[in-house]
Amino acid sequence: MNIEVRYYSKSGNTKKIADAIAKQAGISAKPIHEPMQGKVDILFLGTGIYAFDIVPVTI
């Protein structure tokens, strides 16, 4: 089973949560802008919520 944890974090809080989830899954969390390779069975996706919407990614 292929599990991925991706995140976007402005302040670092979402990264901490993503790292904790990834640690339990035995993998490492990666930023949302890194492309995924191959099929993913379970995807954990984290980002902040600002003004009732997800934060836009600015790279």
PDB file of N, CA and C in Angstrom:
ATOM      1  N   MET A   1       0.846  -1.173   0.000  1.00  0.00           N
ATOM      2  CA  MET A   1       0.000   0.000   0.000  1.00  0.00           C
ATOM      3  C   MET A   1       0.894   1.239   0.000  1.00  0.00           C
ATOM      4  N   ASN A   2       0.634   2.147  -0.921  1.00  0.00           N
ATOM      5  CA  ASN A   2       1.429   3.363  -1.051  1.00  0.00           C
ATOM      6  C   ASN A   2       0.713   4.520  -0.352  1.00  0.00           C
ATOM      7  N   ILE A   3       1.372   5.087   0.652  1.00  0.00           N
ATOM      8  CA  ILE A   3       0.813   6.199   1.423  1.00  0.00           C
ATOM      9  C   ILE A   3       1.681   7.431   1.204  1.00  0.00           C
ATOM     10  N   GLU A   4       1.046   8.563   0.987  1.00  0.00           N
ATOM     11  CA  GLU A   4       1.742   9.839   0.833  1.00  0.00           C
ATOM     12  C   GLU A   4       1.164  10.855   1.814  1.00  0.00           C
ATOM     13  N   VAL A   5       2.038  11.708   2.353  1.00  0.00           N
ATOM     14  CA  VAL A   5       1.631  12.824   3.200  1.00  0.00           C
ATOM     15  C   VAL A   5       2.193  14.077   2.560  1.00  0.00           C
ATOM     16  N   ARG A   6       1.306  14.991   2.181  1.00  0.00           N
ATOM     17  CA  ARG A   6       1.694  16.258   1.551  1.00  0.00           C
ATOM     18  C   ARG A   6       1.120  17.412   2.351  1.00  0.00           C
ATOM     19  N   TYR A   7       1.846  18.535   2.357  1.00  0.00           N
ATOM     20  CA  TYR A   7       1.396  19.672   3.151  1.00  0.00           C
ATOM     21  C   TYR A   7       1.828  20.984   2.515  1.00  0.00           C
ATOM     22  N   TYR A   8       1.135  22.039   2.873  1.00  0.00           N
ATOM     23  CA  TYR A   8       1.563  23.415   2.618  1.00  0.00           C
ATOM     24  C   TYR A   8       1.405  24.153   3.933  1.00  0.00           C
ATOM     25  N   SER A   9       2.469  24.800   4.371  1.00  0.00           N
ATOM     26  CA  SER A   9       2.452  25.446   5.678  1.00  0.00           C
ATOM     27  C   SER A   9       3.148  26.796   5.622  1.00  0.00           C
ATOM     28  N   LYS A  10       2.423  27.839   5.997  1.00  0.00           N
ATOM     29  CA  LYS A  10       3.023  29.171   6.077  1.00  0.00           C
ATOM     30  C   LYS A  10       3.778  29.366   7.385  1.00  0.00           C
ATOM     31  N   SER A  11       3.179  28.930   8.477  1.00  0.00           N
ATOM     32  CA  SER A  11       3.757  29.182   9.799  1.00  0.00           C
ATOM     33  C   SER A  11       4.535  27.996  10.360  1.00  0.00           C
ATOM     34  N   GLY A  12       4.382  26.814   9.745  1.00  0.00           N
ATOM     35  CA  GLY A  12       5.081  25.632  10.225  1.00  0.00           C
ATOM     36  C   GLY A  12       4.209  24.688  11.040  1.00  0.00           C
ATOM     37  N   ASN A  13       3.017  25.126  11.449  1.00  0.00           N
ATOM     38  CA  ASN A  13       2.140  24.264  12.248  1.00  0.00           C
ATOM     39  C   ASN A  13       1.620  23.067  11.454  1.00  0.00           C
ATOM     40  N   THR A  14       1.212  23.296  10.215  1.00  0.00           N
ATOM     41  CA  THR A  14       0.712  22.194   9.390  1.00  0.00           C
ATOM     42  C   THR A  14       1.831  21.202   9.096  1.00  0.00           C
ATOM     43  N   LYS A  15       3.057  21.690   8.931  1.00  0.00           N
ATOM     44  CA  LYS A  15       4.205  20.798   8.713  1.00  0.00           C
ATOM     45  C   LYS A  15       4.413  19.895   9.919  1.00  0.00           C
ATOM     46  N   LYS A  16       4.261  20.418  11.117  1.00  0.00           N
ATOM     47  CA  LYS A  16       4.422  19.596  12.325  1.00  0.00           C
ATOM     48  C   LYS A  16       3.401  18.463  12.361  1.00  0.00           C
ATOM     49  N   ILE A  17       2.163  18.763  12.014  1.00  0.00           N
ATOM     50  CA  ILE A  17       1.110  17.739  11.985  1.00  0.00           C
ATOM     51  C   ILE A  17       1.407  16.717  10.887  1.00  0.00           C
ATOM     52  N   ALA A  18       1.800  17.200   9.710  1.00  0.00           N
ATOM     53  CA  ALA A  18       2.126  16.301   8.596  1.00  0.00           C
ATOM     54  C   ALA A  18       3.286  15.375   8.972  1.00  0.00           C
ATOM     55  N   ASP A  19       4.301  15.919   9.631  1.00  0.00           N
ATOM     56  CA  ASP A  19       5.442  15.100  10.062  1.00  0.00           C
ATOM     57  C   ASP A  19       5.007  14.028  11.063  1.00  0.00           C
ATOM     58  N   ALA A  20       4.103  14.373  11.966  1.00  0.00           N
ATOM     59  CA  ALA A  20       3.624  13.404  12.959  1.00  0.00           C
ATOM     60  C   ALA A  20       2.835  12.277  12.289  1.00  0.00           C
ATOM     61  N   ILE A  21       1.980  12.618  11.324  1.00  0.00           N
ATOM     62  CA  ILE A  21       1.216  11.602  10.595  1.00  0.00           C
ATOM     63  C   ILE A  21       2.165  10.709   9.796  1.00  0.00           C
ATOM     64  N   ALA A  22       3.118  11.328   9.106  1.00  0.00           N
ATOM     65  CA  ALA A  22       4.072  10.569   8.299  1.00  0.00           C
ATOM     66  C   ALA A  22       4.922   9.637   9.159  1.00  0.00           C
ATOM     67  N   LYS A  23       5.326  10.096  10.320  1.00  0.00           N
ATOM     68  CA  LYS A  23       6.128   9.261  11.226  1.00  0.00           C
ATOM     69  C   LYS A  23       5.368   7.996  11.605  1.00  0.00           C
ATOM     70  N   GLN A  24       4.075   8.130  11.907  1.00  0.00           N
ATOM     71  CA  GLN A  24       3.254   6.970  12.259  1.00  0.00           C
ATOM     72  C   GLN A  24       3.099   6.013  11.072  1.00  0.00           C
ATOM     73  N   ALA A  25       3.121   6.552   9.857  1.00  0.00           N
ATOM     74  CA  ALA A  25       2.983   5.729   8.656  1.00  0.00           C
ATOM     75  C   ALA A  25       4.324   5.160   8.190  1.00  0.00           C
ATOM     76  N   GLY A  26       5.423   5.603   8.826  1.00  0.00           N
ATOM     77  CA  GLY A  26       6.746   5.110   8.462  1.00  0.00           C
ATOM     78  C   GLY A  26       7.300   5.722   7.190  1.00  0.00           C
ATOM     79  N   ILE A  27       6.858   6.938   6.876  1.00  0.00           N
ATOM     80  CA  ILE A  27       7.323   7.646   5.681  1.00  0.00           C
ATOM     81  C   ILE A  27       7.695   9.071   6.073  1.00  0.00           C
ATOM     82  N   SER A  28       8.089   9.881   5.103  1.00  0.00           N
ATOM     83  CA  SER A  28       8.362  11.285   5.391  1.00  0.00           C
ATOM     84  C   SER A  28       7.351  12.163   4.658  1.00  0.00           C
ATOM     85  N   ALA A  29       6.962  13.246   5.299  1.00  0.00           N
ATOM     86  CA  ALA A  29       6.035  14.212   4.698  1.00  0.00           C
ATOM     87  C   ALA A  29       6.795  15.054   3.678  1.00  0.00           C
ATOM     88  N   LYS A  30       6.096  15.426   2.631  1.00  0.00           N
ATOM     89  CA  LYS A  30       6.715  16.224   1.571  1.00  0.00           C
ATOM     90  C   LYS A  30       5.855  17.440   1.281  1.00  0.00           C
ATOM     91  N   PRO A  31       6.477  18.534   0.823  1.00  0.00           N
ATOM     92  CA  PRO A  31       5.697  19.720   0.448  1.00  0.00           C
ATOM     93  C   PRO A  31       4.742  19.405  -0.695  1.00  0.00           C
ATOM     94  N   ILE A  32       3.655  20.140  -0.740  1.00  0.00           N
ATOM     95  CA  ILE A  32       2.593  19.889  -1.711  1.00  0.00           C
ATOM     96  C   ILE A  32       3.049  20.073  -3.155  1.00  0.00           C
ATOM     97  N   HIS A  33       4.085  20.875  -3.394  1.00  0.00           N
ATOM     98  CA  HIS A  33       4.505  21.148  -4.771  1.00  0.00           C
ATOM     99  C   HIS A  33       5.381  20.045  -5.370  1.00  0.00           C
ATOM    100  N   GLU A  34       5.815  19.065  -4.577  1.00  0.00           N
ATOM    101  CA  GLU A  34       6.597  17.952  -5.130  1.00  0.00           C
ATOM    102  C   GLU A  34       5.661  16.957  -5.813  1.00  0.00           C
ATOM    103  N   PRO A  35       5.950  16.587  -7.054  1.00  0.00           N
ATOM    104  CA  PRO A  35       5.060  15.654  -7.756  1.00  0.00           C
ATOM    105  C   PRO A  35       5.094  14.261  -7.130  1.00  0.00           C
ATOM    106  N   MET A  36       3.964  13.577  -7.197  1.00  0.00           N
ATOM    107  CA  MET A  36       3.881  12.208  -6.698  1.00  0.00           C
ATOM    108  C   MET A  36       4.274  11.257  -7.814  1.00  0.00           C
ATOM    109  N   GLN A  37       4.952  10.185  -7.435  1.00  0.00           N
ATOM    110  CA  GLN A  37       5.391   9.187  -8.402  1.00  0.00           C
ATOM    111  C   GLN A  37       4.547   7.936  -8.243  1.00  0.00           C
ATOM    112  N   GLY A  38       3.894   7.529  -9.301  1.00  0.00           N
ATOM    113  CA  GLY A  38       3.126   6.294  -9.274  1.00  0.00           C
ATOM    114  C   GLY A  38       1.784   6.434  -8.590  1.00  0.00           C
ATOM    115  N   LYS A  39       1.182   5.275  -8.334  1.00  0.00           N
ATOM    116  CA  LYS A  39      -0.147   5.209  -7.730  1.00  0.00           C
ATOM    117  C   LYS A  39      -0.072   5.468  -6.228  1.00  0.00           C
ATOM    118  N   VAL A  40      -1.054   6.191  -5.715  1.00  0.00           N
ATOM    119  CA  VAL A  40      -1.149   6.468  -4.280  1.00  0.00           C
ATOM    120  C   VAL A  40      -2.463   5.888  -3.779  1.00  0.00           C
ATOM    121  N   ASP A  41      -2.380   5.031  -2.754  1.00  0.00           N
ATOM    122  CA  ASP A  41      -3.577   4.416  -2.192  1.00  0.00           C
ATOM    123  C   ASP A  41      -4.231   5.301  -1.136  1.00  0.00           C
ATOM    124  N   ILE A  42      -3.405   5.926  -0.299  1.00  0.00           N
ATOM    125  CA  ILE A  42      -3.913   6.821   0.755  1.00  0.00           C
ATOM    126  C   ILE A  42      -3.106   8.118   0.701  1.00  0.00           C
ATOM    127  N   LEU A  43      -3.826   9.238   0.629  1.00  0.00           N
ATOM    128  CA  LEU A  43      -3.186  10.553   0.585  1.00  0.00           C
ATOM    129  C   LEU A  43      -3.677  11.398   1.745  1.00  0.00           C
ATOM    130  N   PHE A  44      -2.748  11.842   2.574  1.00  0.00           N
ATOM    131  CA  PHE A  44      -3.041  12.819   3.620  1.00  0.00           C
ATOM    132  C   PHE A  44      -2.586  14.167   3.073  1.00  0.00           C
ATOM    133  N   LEU A  45      -3.499  15.129   3.046  1.00  0.00           N
ATOM    134  CA  LEU A  45      -3.216  16.442   2.482  1.00  0.00           C
ATOM    135  C   LEU A  45      -3.534  17.502   3.526  1.00  0.00           C
ATOM    136  N   GLY A  46      -2.543  18.321   3.855  1.00  0.00           N
ATOM    137  CA  GLY A  46      -2.747  19.337   4.885  1.00  0.00           C
ATOM    138  C   GLY A  46      -2.402  20.728   4.400  1.00  0.00           C
ATOM    139  N   THR A  47      -3.236  21.690   4.786  1.00  0.00           N
ATOM    140  CA  THR A  47      -2.992  23.103   4.506  1.00  0.00           C
ATOM    141  C   THR A  47      -3.733  23.918   5.556  1.00  0.00           C
ATOM    142  N   GLY A  48      -3.421  25.169   5.640  1.00  0.00           N
ATOM    143  CA  GLY A  48      -4.093  26.052   6.584  1.00  0.00           C
ATOM    144  C   GLY A  48      -5.423  26.550   6.048  1.00  0.00           C
ATOM    145  N   ILE A  49      -6.252  26.992   6.958  1.00  0.00           N
ATOM    146  CA  ILE A  49      -7.539  27.597   6.595  1.00  0.00           C
ATOM    147  C   ILE A  49      -7.484  29.063   7.030  1.00  0.00           C
ATOM    148  N   TYR A  50      -7.711  29.959   6.083  1.00  0.00           N
ATOM    149  CA  TYR A  50      -7.698  31.383   6.352  1.00  0.00           C
ATOM    150  C   TYR A  50      -8.944  32.007   5.734  1.00  0.00           C
ATOM    151  N   ALA A  51      -9.712  32.724   6.522  1.00  0.00           N
ATOM    152  CA  ALA A  51     -10.933  33.388   6.065  1.00  0.00           C
ATOM    153  C   ALA A  51     -11.876  32.389   5.371  1.00  0.00           C
ATOM    154  N   PHE A  52     -12.053  31.229   6.009  1.00  0.00           N
ATOM    155  CA  PHE A  52     -12.972  30.180   5.549  1.00  0.00           C
ATOM    156  C   PHE A  52     -12.598  29.578   4.195  1.00  0.00           C
ATOM    157  N   ASP A  53     -11.326  29.622   3.806  1.00  0.00           N
ATOM    158  CA  ASP A  53     -10.867  29.058   2.547  1.00  0.00           C
ATOM    159  C   ASP A  53      -9.460  28.531   2.758  1.00  0.00           C
ATOM    160  N   ILE A  54      -9.026  27.592   1.885  1.00  0.00           N
ATOM    161  CA  ILE A  54      -7.652  27.124   1.992  1.00  0.00           C
ATOM    162  C   ILE A  54      -6.716  28.215   1.499  1.00  0.00           C
ATOM    163  N   VAL A  55      -5.534  28.221   2.051  1.00  0.00           N
ATOM    164  CA  VAL A  55      -4.557  29.233   1.681  1.00  0.00           C
ATOM    165  C   VAL A  55      -4.016  28.928   0.277  1.00  0.00           C
ATOM    166  N   PRO A  56      -3.928  29.924  -0.585  1.00  0.00           N
ATOM    167  CA  PRO A  56      -3.373  29.671  -1.915  1.00  0.00           C
ATOM    168  C   PRO A  56      -1.862  29.438  -1.820  1.00  0.00           C
ATOM    169  N   VAL A  57      -1.369  28.472  -2.576  1.00  0.00           N
ATOM    170  CA  VAL A  57       0.054  28.165  -2.578  1.00  0.00           C
ATOM    171  C   VAL A  57       0.786  29.216  -3.405  1.00  0.00           C
ATOM    172  N   THR A  58       1.786  29.821  -2.806  1.00  0.00           N
ATOM    173  CA  THR A  58       2.622  30.792  -3.505  1.00  0.00           C
ATOM    174  C   THR A  58       4.037  30.266  -3.516  1.00  0.00           C
ATOM    175  N   ILE A  59       4.474  29.835  -4.675  1.00  0.00           N
ATOM    176  CA  ILE A  59       5.823  29.255  -4.795  1.00  0.00           C
ATOM    177  C   ILE A  59       6.717  30.187  -5.545  1.00  0.00           C
TER     178      ILE A  59
END
